[in-house]
Amino acid sequence: MKLYVCWGTFPTPRPGGHPCANAYHALKDAGHAPEVVRSYGFAPLPGLFNQTRGRREVQKLTGNRWVPTLLLDDGTVIDDSHAIVEWARANPA
């Protein structure tokens, strides 16, 4: 499984936590060990600023450049931190 994140999985002072960190920690808490693909950039900016390998892969998978995105080993794509957290809670390792 691959988890595409912006740059980190560390806690931040952002209310509710950072979406990428929330997704990562939910997966880890559920016993998963995702390969983390750091996908630098900022999705609202034009494509020129989002041409990292991770952002290109996310766009191919989802049609957008937003992360976090989870790619399961069977090819299933789960997009959005809330959906990833829900999936992790429903599918412990």
Protein backbone atom coordinates (compact mmCIF):
# COMPACT_ATOMS: atom_id res chain seq x y z
CA MET A 1 0.00 0.00 0.00
CA LYS A 2 1.14 3.53 -0.77
CA LEU A 3 0.09 6.66 1.05
CA TYR A 4 0.68 9.86 -0.89
CA VAL A 5 1.19 12.82 1.45
CA CYS A 6 2.24 16.44 0.95
CA TRP A 7 5.49 16.49 2.89
CA GLY A 8 5.13 14.99 6.30
CA THR A 9 3.30 12.81 8.72
CA PHE A 10 4.17 14.79 11.83
CA PRO A 11 1.66 16.49 14.15
CA THR A 12 0.93 20.18 13.55
CA PRO A 13 -0.88 22.86 15.58
CA ARG A 14 -3.56 23.01 12.86
CA PRO A 15 -7.03 22.53 14.41
CA GLY A 16 -8.06 18.94 13.81
CA GLY A 17 -4.53 17.99 12.82
CA HIS A 18 -2.96 17.88 9.39
CA PRO A 19 -4.92 15.68 6.94
CA CYS A 20 -1.82 13.78 5.78
CA ALA A 21 -0.71 13.08 9.35
CA ASN A 22 -4.25 12.05 10.34
CA ALA A 23 -4.38 9.51 7.51
CA TYR A 24 -0.89 8.19 8.25
CA HIS A 25 -1.48 7.77 11.98
CA ALA A 26 -4.86 6.09 11.43
CA LEU A 27 -3.18 3.54 9.17
CA LYS A 28 -0.34 2.96 11.63
CA ASP A 29 -2.77 2.67 14.56
CA ALA A 30 -4.68 0.03 12.57
CA GLY A 31 -1.46 -1.96 12.13
CA HIS A 32 -0.66 -1.03 8.53
CA ALA A 33 2.81 -0.04 7.31
CA PRO A 34 2.17 2.12 4.23
CA GLU A 35 4.93 3.17 1.89
CA VAL A 36 4.87 6.96 2.27
CA VAL A 37 5.30 8.90 -0.98
CA ARG A 38 6.08 12.53 -0.29
CA SER A 39 4.36 14.60 -2.94
CA TYR A 40 5.63 18.13 -2.53
CA GLY A 41 3.65 21.01 -3.95
CA PHE A 42 0.34 22.71 -3.25
CA ALA A 43 -2.66 21.38 -5.17
CA PRO A 44 -4.40 24.73 -5.89
CA LEU A 45 -1.33 26.08 -7.70
CA PRO A 46 -0.94 25.55 -11.45
CA GLY A 47 0.50 22.25 -12.65
CA LEU A 48 4.00 23.69 -13.02
CA PHE A 49 4.26 23.80 -9.22
CA ASN A 50 2.92 20.28 -8.76
CA GLN A 51 5.08 18.17 -11.02
CA THR A 52 6.65 15.90 -8.44
CA ARG A 53 6.35 12.19 -9.13
CA GLY A 54 3.86 11.79 -6.30
CA ARG A 55 1.54 14.56 -7.50
CA ARG A 56 1.63 13.20 -11.07
CA GLU A 57 0.75 9.72 -9.78
CA VAL A 58 -2.09 11.08 -7.63
CA GLN A 59 -3.49 12.98 -10.61
CA LYS A 60 -3.45 9.80 -12.72
CA LEU A 61 -5.19 7.88 -9.93
CA THR A 62 -7.80 10.45 -8.93
CA GLY A 63 -8.00 13.18 -11.56
CA ASN A 64 -6.86 15.77 -9.01
CA ARG A 65 -3.61 16.71 -7.24
CA TRP A 66 -4.91 16.67 -3.66
CA VAL A 67 -3.34 14.45 -1.03
CA PRO A 68 -3.56 12.37 1.07
CA THR A 69 -4.44 9.53 -1.26
CA LEU A 70 -4.15 5.85 -0.41
CA LEU A 71 -3.41 3.22 -3.06
CA LEU A 72 -4.10 -0.30 -1.84
CA ASP A 73 -2.20 -3.33 -3.09
CA ASP A 74 -5.25 -4.47 -5.09
CA GLY A 75 -5.34 -1.14 -6.98
CA THR A 76 -8.18 0.40 -4.97
CA VAL A 77 -7.78 4.16 -4.49
CA ILE A 78 -9.06 5.94 -1.39
CA ASP A 79 -8.93 9.71 -1.68
CA ASP A 80 -9.34 12.20 1.20
CA SER A 81 -8.08 11.94 4.76
CA HIS A 82 -11.53 11.29 6.25
CA ALA A 83 -12.14 8.36 3.90
CA ILE A 84 -8.66 6.96 4.62
CA VAL A 85 -9.22 7.21 8.39
CA GLU A 86 -12.60 5.47 8.05
CA TRP A 87 -11.07 2.72 5.89
CA ALA A 88 -8.22 2.18 8.37
CA ARG A 89 -10.63 1.85 11.29
CA ALA A 90 -12.80 -0.63 9.35
CA ASN A 91 -9.83 -2.65 8.03
CA PRO A 92 -7.24 -3.32 10.73
CA ALA A 93 -4.19 -5.27 9.62
